[in-house]
Amino acid sequence: MKNNNWVLWLIGIGSVVFMSIVLWQNYLYASDLGKDYQGLFGDMFGASNALFTGLSFVGVINCYFIAEARIATPTE
């Protein structure tokens, strides 16, 4: 696993750069809108907010089952 550590760093740094660019572009687009339409622009992200909240809950449940399986396995 240590040999492929650079791949994980590359994916992480690439993700941070991509998210930064997307957020900056959204900020530029939303700041050009008038005050009347900025609320509508923010409302577009309600579905993605619910999606990521559900995915994080699935991750917590997954961690619980992994921890339970590790506790149940006998160690030497």
Protein backbone atom coordinates (compact mmCIF):
# COMPACT_ATOMS: atom_id res chain seq x y z
CA MET A 1 0.00 0.00 0.00
CA LYS A 2 2.86 2.40 0.68
CA ASN A 3 4.09 2.04 -2.90
CA ASN A 4 0.80 3.44 -4.25
CA ASN A 5 0.61 6.26 -1.69
CA TRP A 6 1.35 8.87 -4.35
CA VAL A 7 -1.79 7.84 -6.24
CA LEU A 8 -3.97 8.65 -3.22
CA TRP A 9 -2.24 12.02 -2.80
CA LEU A 10 -2.74 12.78 -6.48
CA ILE A 11 -6.44 11.93 -6.31
CA GLY A 12 -6.88 14.01 -3.16
CA ILE A 13 -5.06 17.06 -4.49
CA GLY A 14 -6.86 16.79 -7.83
CA SER A 15 -10.23 16.62 -6.05
CA VAL A 16 -9.46 19.70 -3.96
CA VAL A 17 -8.36 21.66 -7.04
CA PHE A 18 -11.45 20.57 -9.00
CA MET A 19 -13.83 21.49 -6.17
CA SER A 20 -12.12 24.86 -5.73
CA ILE A 21 -12.51 25.68 -9.42
CA VAL A 22 -16.17 24.62 -9.45
CA LEU A 23 -16.97 26.64 -6.32
CA TRP A 24 -15.21 29.70 -7.72
CA GLN A 25 -17.14 29.44 -11.00
CA ASN A 26 -20.42 29.11 -9.08
CA TYR A 27 -19.54 32.18 -7.03
CA LEU A 28 -18.80 34.21 -10.16
CA TYR A 29 -22.05 33.10 -11.79
CA ALA A 30 -24.17 33.76 -8.69
CA SER A 31 -22.61 37.17 -8.05
CA ASP A 32 -23.62 38.28 -11.56
CA LEU A 33 -27.26 37.40 -10.90
CA GLY A 34 -29.57 39.96 -9.42
CA LYS A 35 -30.82 39.77 -5.84
CA ASP A 36 -34.09 38.27 -7.05
CA TYR A 37 -32.45 35.27 -8.71
CA GLN A 38 -29.72 34.45 -6.19
CA GLY A 39 -32.22 32.62 -3.99
CA LEU A 40 -33.41 30.55 -6.93
CA PHE A 41 -29.81 29.70 -7.77
CA GLY A 42 -29.24 28.45 -4.22
CA ASP A 43 -32.42 26.40 -4.29
CA MET A 44 -31.04 24.35 -7.20
CA PHE A 45 -28.63 22.63 -4.81
CA GLY A 46 -31.29 21.23 -2.48
CA ALA A 47 -31.33 17.83 -4.19
CA SER A 48 -27.54 17.48 -4.09
CA ASN A 49 -27.57 18.45 -0.41
CA ALA A 50 -30.03 15.63 0.33
CA LEU A 51 -27.95 13.22 -1.75
CA PHE A 52 -24.71 13.94 0.10
CA THR A 53 -26.47 13.82 3.46
CA GLY A 54 -27.83 10.37 2.61
CA LEU A 55 -24.43 9.18 1.39
CA SER A 56 -22.76 10.34 4.61
CA PHE A 57 -25.37 8.46 6.65
CA VAL A 58 -24.69 5.32 4.61
CA GLY A 59 -20.96 5.83 5.33
CA VAL A 60 -21.60 6.01 9.08
CA ILE A 61 -23.68 2.82 8.98
CA ASN A 62 -20.96 1.13 6.91
CA CYS A 63 -18.31 2.12 9.47
CA TYR A 64 -20.46 0.65 12.22
CA PHE A 65 -20.69 -2.72 10.46
CA ILE A 66 -16.96 -2.75 9.68
CA ALA A 67 -16.13 -2.01 13.31
CA GLU A 68 -18.53 -4.70 14.49
CA ALA A 69 -16.94 -7.24 12.14
CA ARG A 70 -13.44 -6.36 13.37
CA ILE A 71 -14.48 -6.69 16.98
CA ALA A 72 -16.09 -10.07 16.30
CA THR A 73 -12.98 -11.56 14.62
CA PRO A 74 -10.62 -13.25 17.04
CA THR A 75 -7.08 -11.92 17.24
CA GLU A 76 -3.96 -13.73 18.30
